[in-house]
Amino acid sequence: MDQGRVTMNYLGHYVYNHHVGDLPAEPYFVLGVALPDLWPRFSRRRRLRWRAVRAARPRRREARQLRAGLLNHVAADRRFHTCPAFIRWQRTLRVSAATAAPTPPGLDIAAHIAVELALDHVLVRREPSAAERFYDQLACCDVALAEQIVGVLGDVDARGLGVEIRGFVARRFLRRFARCTTLAQVLRYILSLTSFRGGFAFERLCALTESAVRIVEPEKIWAEMGPVRQLDRLSDRAEATDVA
């Protein structure tokens, strides 16, 4: 994730890797991909050390898969956020929302997150079973083992992460992404984790997410992202900072 930026795009990552792409859905890999977006719910103080993740050469299969998932997330985000379609949609939302005065600070990040949430909304509406498969993969992980692996890989105090993962799987909240009002509620929550909390009326967040849903087209992103396996060459070179 970008420094200081909270994002969330669980299903977009999963579908790109395992439906559009040809990567096998390994539980610890899927968890590794999801963790950077889940981390802010776990802790805003403790942070993964990405240099440690990149330098790690774990022997255990679960640890190798989790590390690969973490690095896949970073590489995919870097490519996704530079896709012309993503930039165009974000700009469209920002310009449209700015016509209503007053323009709140943080509009750029709100538009950024709205596009990501809208992508997951469209994917859930098209194929609800994709979200179930995502959660089923996570449910196969031993959360105590995952907590231990993350602590070593990321050189971070990961105590309590297993509880967060277990709760995340149990809630399966992506099921609710089919409703636009849910997107606005999630956007409000994510913004509450930033310095822009309280800057947007809920009605404005509803309008922003509804506009995002109308313009987002997953196929355009998949085409611009290119083959999944090309990310392997980007993963270890990803210049992620020490943030989750």
C-alpha atoms as a PDB file:
ATOM      1  CA  MET A   1       0.000   0.000   0.000  1.00  0.00           C
ATOM      2  CA  ASP A   2       1.053   3.571  -0.526  1.00  0.00           C
ATOM      3  CA  GLN A   3       2.510   5.310   2.461  1.00  0.00           C
ATOM      4  CA  GLY A   4      -0.171   6.802   4.649  1.00  0.00           C
ATOM      5  CA  ARG A   5      -2.956   5.551   2.394  1.00  0.00           C
ATOM      6  CA  VAL A   6      -5.672   3.155   3.492  1.00  0.00           C
ATOM      7  CA  THR A   7      -7.075   1.039   0.684  1.00  0.00           C
ATOM      8  CA  MET A   8      -9.249  -2.012   0.349  1.00  0.00           C
ATOM      9  CA  ASN A   9      -9.767  -4.269  -2.645  1.00  0.00           C
ATOM     10  CA  TYR A  10      -9.979  -7.842  -1.373  1.00  0.00           C
ATOM     11  CA  LEU A  11     -12.018  -9.423  -4.125  1.00  0.00           C
ATOM     12  CA  GLY A  12     -10.333  -7.507  -6.935  1.00  0.00           C
ATOM     13  CA  HIS A  13      -6.992  -9.016  -5.954  1.00  0.00           C
ATOM     14  CA  TYR A  14      -8.492 -12.497  -5.620  1.00  0.00           C
ATOM     15  CA  VAL A  15     -10.308 -12.470  -8.950  1.00  0.00           C
ATOM     16  CA  TYR A  16      -7.332 -11.017 -10.803  1.00  0.00           C
ATOM     17  CA  ASN A  17      -4.955 -13.630  -9.428  1.00  0.00           C
ATOM     18  CA  HIS A  18      -7.133 -16.731  -9.569  1.00  0.00           C
ATOM     19  CA  HIS A  19      -9.981 -16.151 -12.039  1.00  0.00           C
ATOM     20  CA  VAL A  20      -8.490 -13.823 -14.629  1.00  0.00           C
ATOM     21  CA  GLY A  21      -5.014 -15.184 -13.982  1.00  0.00           C
ATOM     22  CA  ASP A  22      -3.894 -18.754 -13.687  1.00  0.00           C
ATOM     23  CA  LEU A  23      -2.420 -18.787 -10.204  1.00  0.00           C
ATOM     24  CA  PRO A  24      -3.463 -21.720  -8.004  1.00  0.00           C
ATOM     25  CA  ALA A  25      -5.520 -20.614  -5.006  1.00  0.00           C
ATOM     26  CA  GLU A  26      -3.193 -21.559  -2.152  1.00  0.00           C
ATOM     27  CA  PRO A  27      -4.718 -20.596   1.242  1.00  0.00           C
ATOM     28  CA  TYR A  28      -1.613 -18.909   2.684  1.00  0.00           C
ATOM     29  CA  PHE A  29      -0.956 -17.067  -0.579  1.00  0.00           C
ATOM     30  CA  VAL A  30      -4.555 -15.765  -0.559  1.00  0.00           C
ATOM     31  CA  LEU A  31      -4.080 -14.687   3.051  1.00  0.00           C
ATOM     32  CA  GLY A  32      -0.814 -12.936   2.224  1.00  0.00           C
ATOM     33  CA  VAL A  33      -2.528 -10.970  -0.548  1.00  0.00           C
ATOM     34  CA  ALA A  34      -5.379  -9.955   1.768  1.00  0.00           C
ATOM     35  CA  LEU A  35      -3.256  -8.981   4.775  1.00  0.00           C
ATOM     36  CA  PRO A  36      -2.122  -5.483   3.695  1.00  0.00           C
ATOM     37  CA  ASP A  37      -5.771  -4.402   3.355  1.00  0.00           C
ATOM     38  CA  LEU A  38      -6.783  -6.167   6.564  1.00  0.00           C
ATOM     39  CA  TRP A  39      -3.880  -4.804   8.604  1.00  0.00           C
ATOM     40  CA  PRO A  40      -5.374  -1.374   9.468  1.00  0.00           C
ATOM     41  CA  ARG A  41      -8.241  -3.168  11.212  1.00  0.00           C
ATOM     42  CA  PHE A  42      -5.682  -5.087  13.248  1.00  0.00           C
ATOM     43  CA  SER A  43      -3.335  -2.230  14.134  1.00  0.00           C
ATOM     44  CA  ARG A  44      -2.509   1.285  13.056  1.00  0.00           C
ATOM     45  CA  ARG A  45       0.551   1.332  15.293  1.00  0.00           C
ATOM     46  CA  ARG A  46       2.344  -1.916  14.477  1.00  0.00           C
ATOM     47  CA  ARG A  47       3.661  -2.077  10.926  1.00  0.00           C
ATOM     48  CA  LEU A  48       5.001  -4.726   8.628  1.00  0.00           C
ATOM     49  CA  ARG A  49       8.646  -4.194   7.714  1.00  0.00           C
ATOM     50  CA  TRP A  50       8.645  -4.722   3.979  1.00  0.00           C
ATOM     51  CA  ARG A  51      12.412  -4.833   3.740  1.00  0.00           C
ATOM     52  CA  ALA A  52      12.321  -7.823   6.076  1.00  0.00           C
ATOM     53  CA  VAL A  53       9.586  -9.447   3.976  1.00  0.00           C
ATOM     54  CA  ARG A  54      11.598  -9.016   0.776  1.00  0.00           C
ATOM     55  CA  ALA A  55      14.796 -10.259   2.404  1.00  0.00           C
ATOM     56  CA  ALA A  56      13.180 -13.332   3.940  1.00  0.00           C
ATOM     57  CA  ARG A  57      13.856 -16.749   2.430  1.00  0.00           C
ATOM     58  CA  PRO A  58      11.580 -19.021   4.467  1.00  0.00           C
ATOM     59  CA  ARG A  59      11.842 -22.780   4.175  1.00  0.00           C
ATOM     60  CA  ARG A  60       8.368 -23.684   5.360  1.00  0.00           C
ATOM     61  CA  ARG A  61       5.851 -23.945   2.520  1.00  0.00           C
ATOM     62  CA  GLU A  62       3.150 -21.926   4.300  1.00  0.00           C
ATOM     63  CA  ALA A  63       5.622 -19.125   4.963  1.00  0.00           C
ATOM     64  CA  ARG A  64       6.786 -19.086   1.336  1.00  0.00           C
ATOM     65  CA  GLN A  65       3.193 -18.843   0.142  1.00  0.00           C
ATOM     66  CA  LEU A  66       2.327 -16.077   2.594  1.00  0.00           C
ATOM     67  CA  ARG A  67       5.403 -14.087   1.625  1.00  0.00           C
ATOM     68  CA  ALA A  68       4.583 -14.518  -2.066  1.00  0.00           C
ATOM     69  CA  GLY A  69       1.052 -13.243  -1.409  1.00  0.00           C
ATOM     70  CA  LEU A  70       2.302 -10.151   0.418  1.00  0.00           C
ATOM     71  CA  LEU A  71       4.665  -9.274  -2.422  1.00  0.00           C
ATOM     72  CA  ASN A  72       1.991 -10.010  -5.030  1.00  0.00           C
ATOM     73  CA  HIS A  73      -0.278  -7.481  -3.313  1.00  0.00           C
ATOM     74  CA  VAL A  74       2.366  -4.757  -3.456  1.00  0.00           C
ATOM     75  CA  ALA A  75       3.195  -5.395  -7.108  1.00  0.00           C
ATOM     76  CA  ALA A  76      -0.468  -5.600  -8.143  1.00  0.00           C
ATOM     77  CA  ASP A  77      -1.334  -2.377  -6.312  1.00  0.00           C
ATOM     78  CA  ARG A  78       1.523  -0.524  -7.996  1.00  0.00           C
ATOM     79  CA  ARG A  79       0.344  -1.667 -11.405  1.00  0.00           C
ATOM     80  CA  PHE A  80      -3.368  -1.152 -10.652  1.00  0.00           C
ATOM     81  CA  HIS A  81      -2.923   2.398  -9.401  1.00  0.00           C
ATOM     82  CA  THR A  82      -1.125   3.409 -12.608  1.00  0.00           C
ATOM     83  CA  CYS A  83      -3.694   1.866 -14.976  1.00  0.00           C
ATOM     84  CA  PRO A  84      -5.168   4.553 -17.263  1.00  0.00           C
ATOM     85  CA  ALA A  85      -8.698   3.329 -16.495  1.00  0.00           C
ATOM     86  CA  PHE A  86      -8.181   3.629 -12.733  1.00  0.00           C
ATOM     87  CA  ILE A  87      -6.696   7.116 -13.062  1.00  0.00           C
ATOM     88  CA  ARG A  88      -9.515   8.180 -15.382  1.00  0.00           C
ATOM     89  CA  TRP A  89     -12.258   6.885 -13.061  1.00  0.00           C
ATOM     90  CA  GLN A  90     -10.682   8.522 -10.039  1.00  0.00           C
ATOM     91  CA  ARG A  91     -10.417  11.826 -11.896  1.00  0.00           C
ATOM     92  CA  THR A  92     -14.028  11.594 -13.069  1.00  0.00           C
ATOM     93  CA  LEU A  93     -15.278  11.064  -9.524  1.00  0.00           C
ATOM     94  CA  ARG A  94     -13.103  13.845  -8.153  1.00  0.00           C
ATOM     95  CA  VAL A  95     -14.251  16.375 -10.757  1.00  0.00           C
ATOM     96  CA  SER A  96     -17.897  15.386 -10.375  1.00  0.00           C
ATOM     97  CA  ALA A  97     -17.816  15.562  -6.565  1.00  0.00           C
ATOM     98  CA  ALA A  98     -15.934  18.872  -6.594  1.00  0.00           C
ATOM     99  CA  THR A  99     -18.864  20.595  -8.312  1.00  0.00           C
ATOM    100  CA  ALA A 100     -20.789  20.454  -5.035  1.00  0.00           C
ATOM    101  CA  ALA A 101     -19.559  23.110  -2.604  1.00  0.00           C
ATOM    102  CA  PRO A 102     -17.848  23.043  -0.283  1.00  0.00           C
ATOM    103  CA  THR A 103     -15.186  20.644  -1.508  1.00  0.00           C
ATOM    104  CA  PRO A 104     -13.925  18.693   1.506  1.00  0.00           C
ATOM    105  CA  PRO A 105     -10.247  17.917   2.011  1.00  0.00           C
ATOM    106  CA  GLY A 106      -9.455  14.319   1.245  1.00  0.00           C
ATOM    107  CA  LEU A 107     -11.598  14.159  -1.879  1.00  0.00           C
ATOM    108  CA  ASP A 108      -8.765  12.559  -3.822  1.00  0.00           C
ATOM    109  CA  ILE A 109      -8.343   9.673  -1.383  1.00  0.00           C
ATOM    110  CA  ALA A 110     -12.127   9.264  -1.099  1.00  0.00           C
ATOM    111  CA  ALA A 111     -12.406   8.948  -4.890  1.00  0.00           C
ATOM    112  CA  HIS A 112      -9.472   6.521  -4.901  1.00  0.00           C
ATOM    113  CA  ILE A 113     -11.104   4.236  -2.318  1.00  0.00           C
ATOM    114  CA  ALA A 114     -14.545   4.550  -3.940  1.00  0.00           C
ATOM    115  CA  VAL A 115     -13.164   3.122  -7.184  1.00  0.00           C
ATOM    116  CA  GLU A 116     -11.651   0.164  -5.323  1.00  0.00           C
ATOM    117  CA  LEU A 117     -14.860  -0.515  -3.408  1.00  0.00           C
ATOM    118  CA  ALA A 118     -16.923  -0.222  -6.589  1.00  0.00           C
ATOM    119  CA  LEU A 119     -14.723  -2.806  -8.285  1.00  0.00           C
ATOM    120  CA  ASP A 120     -15.437  -5.309  -5.505  1.00  0.00           C
ATOM    121  CA  HIS A 121     -19.143  -4.384  -5.645  1.00  0.00           C
ATOM    122  CA  VAL A 122     -19.348  -5.188  -9.361  1.00  0.00           C
ATOM    123  CA  LEU A 123     -17.491  -8.479  -8.857  1.00  0.00           C
ATOM    124  CA  VAL A 124     -19.774  -9.529  -5.982  1.00  0.00           C
ATOM    125  CA  ARG A 125     -22.891  -8.672  -7.990  1.00  0.00           C
ATOM    126  CA  ARG A 126     -21.671 -10.686 -10.959  1.00  0.00           C
ATOM    127  CA  GLU A 127     -20.498 -13.754  -9.078  1.00  0.00           C
ATOM    128  CA  PRO A 128     -21.330 -13.970  -5.356  1.00  0.00           C
ATOM    129  CA  SER A 129     -19.633 -17.367  -5.178  1.00  0.00           C
ATOM    130  CA  ALA A 130     -16.251 -15.722  -5.822  1.00  0.00           C
ATOM    131  CA  ALA A 131     -16.423 -14.056  -2.406  1.00  0.00           C
ATOM    132  CA  GLU A 132     -17.311 -17.382  -0.805  1.00  0.00           C
ATOM    133  CA  ARG A 133     -14.328 -19.064  -2.437  1.00  0.00           C
ATOM    134  CA  PHE A 134     -12.097 -16.255  -1.181  1.00  0.00           C
ATOM    135  CA  TYR A 135     -13.258 -16.764   2.405  1.00  0.00           C
ATOM    136  CA  ASP A 136     -13.141 -20.560   2.104  1.00  0.00           C
ATOM    137  CA  GLN A 137      -9.465 -20.327   1.176  1.00  0.00           C
ATOM    138  CA  LEU A 138      -8.739 -18.145   4.200  1.00  0.00           C
ATOM    139  CA  ALA A 139     -10.649 -20.550   6.434  1.00  0.00           C
ATOM    140  CA  CYS A 140      -8.155 -23.272   5.500  1.00  0.00           C
ATOM    141  CA  CYS A 141      -5.320 -21.372   7.193  1.00  0.00           C
ATOM    142  CA  ASP A 142      -4.177 -22.119  10.721  1.00  0.00           C
ATOM    143  CA  VAL A 143      -4.481 -18.590  12.104  1.00  0.00           C
ATOM    144  CA  ALA A 144      -2.071 -19.243  14.972  1.00  0.00           C
ATOM    145  CA  LEU A 145       0.545 -20.422  12.492  1.00  0.00           C
ATOM    146  CA  ALA A 146      -0.191 -17.458  10.211  1.00  0.00           C
ATOM    147  CA  GLU A 147       0.284 -15.055  13.122  1.00  0.00           C
ATOM    148  CA  GLN A 148       3.632 -16.627  13.911  1.00  0.00           C
ATOM    149  CA  ILE A 149       4.771 -16.524  10.271  1.00  0.00           C
ATOM    150  CA  VAL A 150       3.792 -12.886   9.815  1.00  0.00           C
ATOM    151  CA  GLY A 151       5.644 -11.900  12.957  1.00  0.00           C
ATOM    152  CA  VAL A 152       8.848 -13.442  11.637  1.00  0.00           C
ATOM    153  CA  LEU A 153       8.466 -12.418   7.982  1.00  0.00           C
ATOM    154  CA  GLY A 154       7.469  -8.846   8.755  1.00  0.00           C
ATOM    155  CA  ASP A 155       9.671  -8.354  11.818  1.00  0.00           C
ATOM    156  CA  VAL A 156       6.580  -7.150  13.676  1.00  0.00           C
ATOM    157  CA  ASP A 157       4.650  -7.903  16.842  1.00  0.00           C
ATOM    158  CA  ALA A 158       1.751  -9.846  15.302  1.00  0.00           C
ATOM    159  CA  ARG A 159       0.164 -10.987  18.559  1.00  0.00           C
ATOM    160  CA  GLY A 160      -3.607 -10.871  18.135  1.00  0.00           C
ATOM    161  CA  LEU A 161      -3.527 -11.039  14.346  1.00  0.00           C
ATOM    162  CA  GLY A 162      -4.923 -14.574  14.386  1.00  0.00           C
ATOM    163  CA  VAL A 163      -8.019 -13.364  16.235  1.00  0.00           C
ATOM    164  CA  GLU A 164      -8.498 -10.602  13.649  1.00  0.00           C
ATOM    165  CA  ILE A 165      -8.174 -13.072  10.758  1.00  0.00           C
ATOM    166  CA  ARG A 166     -10.638 -15.480  12.365  1.00  0.00           C
ATOM    167  CA  GLY A 167     -13.176 -12.703  12.855  1.00  0.00           C
ATOM    168  CA  PHE A 168     -12.675 -11.425   9.310  1.00  0.00           C
ATOM    169  CA  VAL A 169     -13.473 -14.870   7.912  1.00  0.00           C
ATOM    170  CA  ALA A 170     -16.454 -15.359  10.221  1.00  0.00           C
ATOM    171  CA  ARG A 171     -18.032 -12.011   9.278  1.00  0.00           C
ATOM    172  CA  ARG A 172     -17.742 -12.579   5.504  1.00  0.00           C
ATOM    173  CA  PHE A 173     -18.799  -8.983   5.051  1.00  0.00           C
ATOM    174  CA  LEU A 174     -18.071  -8.955   1.296  1.00  0.00           C
ATOM    175  CA  ARG A 175     -21.473 -10.591   0.911  1.00  0.00           C
ATOM    176  CA  ARG A 176     -22.945  -7.192   1.766  1.00  0.00           C
ATOM    177  CA  PHE A 177     -20.997  -5.403  -0.955  1.00  0.00           C
ATOM    178  CA  ALA A 178     -23.845  -5.991  -3.373  1.00  0.00           C
ATOM    179  CA  ARG A 179     -25.565  -2.992  -1.713  1.00  0.00           C
ATOM    180  CA  CYS A 180     -24.302   0.499  -2.531  1.00  0.00           C
ATOM    181  CA  THR A 181     -25.174   1.730   0.945  1.00  0.00           C
ATOM    182  CA  THR A 182     -22.699  -0.799   2.336  1.00  0.00           C
ATOM    183  CA  LEU A 183     -19.972   0.703   0.145  1.00  0.00           C
ATOM    184  CA  ALA A 184     -20.674   4.151   1.570  1.00  0.00           C
ATOM    185  CA  GLN A 185     -20.556   2.791   5.124  1.00  0.00           C
ATOM    186  CA  VAL A 186     -17.235   1.080   4.452  1.00  0.00           C
ATOM    187  CA  LEU A 187     -15.863   4.229   2.820  1.00  0.00           C
ATOM    188  CA  ARG A 188     -16.858   6.225   5.889  1.00  0.00           C
ATOM    189  CA  TYR A 189     -15.092   3.709   8.119  1.00  0.00           C
ATOM    190  CA  ILE A 190     -11.910   3.733   6.025  1.00  0.00           C
ATOM    191  CA  LEU A 191     -11.824   7.523   6.003  1.00  0.00           C
ATOM    192  CA  SER A 192     -12.175   7.427   9.796  1.00  0.00           C
ATOM    193  CA  LEU A 193      -8.741   5.782   9.873  1.00  0.00           C
ATOM    194  CA  THR A 194      -7.211   8.764   8.090  1.00  0.00           C
ATOM    195  CA  SER A 195      -6.720  12.432   8.899  1.00  0.00           C
ATOM    196  CA  PHE A 196      -9.858  13.195   6.827  1.00  0.00           C
ATOM    197  CA  ARG A 197     -12.347  11.581   9.206  1.00  0.00           C
ATOM    198  CA  GLY A 198     -15.513  13.577   9.619  1.00  0.00           C
ATOM    199  CA  GLY A 199     -14.955  15.598   6.450  1.00  0.00           C
ATOM    200  CA  PHE A 200     -17.776  14.035   4.437  1.00  0.00           C
ATOM    201  CA  ALA A 201     -21.523  13.903   4.991  1.00  0.00           C
ATOM    202  CA  PHE A 202     -22.808  10.345   4.593  1.00  0.00           C
ATOM    203  CA  GLU A 203     -25.098  11.423   1.740  1.00  0.00           C
ATOM    204  CA  ARG A 204     -22.052  12.636  -0.144  1.00  0.00           C
ATOM    205  CA  LEU A 205     -20.282   9.325   0.346  1.00  0.00           C
ATOM    206  CA  CYS A 206     -23.376   7.537  -0.965  1.00  0.00           C
ATOM    207  CA  ALA A 207     -23.344   9.713  -4.073  1.00  0.00           C
ATOM    208  CA  LEU A 208     -19.628   9.114  -4.572  1.00  0.00           C
ATOM    209  CA  THR A 209     -19.883   5.322  -4.347  1.00  0.00           C
ATOM    210  CA  GLU A 210     -22.991   5.204  -6.541  1.00  0.00           C
ATOM    211  CA  SER A 211     -21.139   7.192  -9.204  1.00  0.00           C
ATOM    212  CA  ALA A 212     -18.155   4.855  -8.928  1.00  0.00           C
ATOM    213  CA  VAL A 213     -20.354   1.793  -9.421  1.00  0.00           C
ATOM    214  CA  ARG A 214     -21.721   3.282 -12.646  1.00  0.00           C
ATOM    215  CA  ILE A 215     -18.316   3.820 -14.267  1.00  0.00           C
ATOM    216  CA  VAL A 216     -16.121   0.945 -13.071  1.00  0.00           C
ATOM    217  CA  GLU A 217     -15.543  -1.860 -15.583  1.00  0.00           C
ATOM    218  CA  PRO A 218     -13.377  -4.751 -14.343  1.00  0.00           C
ATOM    219  CA  GLU A 219     -12.509  -5.963 -17.847  1.00  0.00           C
ATOM    220  CA  LYS A 220     -10.730  -2.708 -18.625  1.00  0.00           C
ATOM    221  CA  ILE A 221      -8.584  -3.084 -15.530  1.00  0.00           C
ATOM    222  CA  TRP A 222      -7.741  -6.729 -16.274  1.00  0.00           C
ATOM    223  CA  ALA A 223      -6.671  -5.811 -19.814  1.00  0.00           C
ATOM    224  CA  GLU A 224      -4.460  -2.974 -18.595  1.00  0.00           C
ATOM    225  CA  MET A 225      -3.003  -5.001 -15.721  1.00  0.00           C
ATOM    226  CA  GLY A 226      -1.702  -7.636 -18.114  1.00  0.00           C
ATOM    227  CA  PRO A 227      -0.756 -11.232 -17.244  1.00  0.00           C
ATOM    228  CA  VAL A 228      -0.651 -12.093 -13.553  1.00  0.00           C
ATOM    229  CA  ARG A 229       2.643 -13.939 -13.814  1.00  0.00           C
ATOM    230  CA  GLN A 230       4.413 -10.779 -14.951  1.00  0.00           C
ATOM    231  CA  LEU A 231       3.984  -9.578 -11.367  1.00  0.00           C
ATOM    232  CA  ASP A 232       6.592 -12.118 -10.274  1.00  0.00           C
ATOM    233  CA  ARG A 233       9.258  -9.917 -11.836  1.00  0.00           C
ATOM    234  CA  LEU A 234       7.911  -6.870 -10.015  1.00  0.00           C
ATOM    235  CA  SER A 235       7.336  -8.369  -6.577  1.00  0.00           C
ATOM    236  CA  ASP A 236      10.843  -8.486  -5.172  1.00  0.00           C
ATOM    237  CA  ARG A 237      11.676  -5.095  -6.681  1.00  0.00           C
ATOM    238  CA  ALA A 238       8.608  -3.391  -5.196  1.00  0.00           C
ATOM    239  CA  GLU A 239       9.770  -0.350  -3.248  1.00  0.00           C
ATOM    240  CA  ALA A 240       7.151  -0.600  -0.500  1.00  0.00           C
ATOM    241  CA  THR A 241       7.891   1.453   2.573  1.00  0.00           C
ATOM    242  CA  ASP A 242       7.572   0.126   6.109  1.00  0.00           C
ATOM    243  CA  VAL A 243       3.783   0.391   6.177  1.00  0.00           C
ATOM    244  CA  ALA A 244       1.104  -2.247   5.989  1.00  0.00           C
END
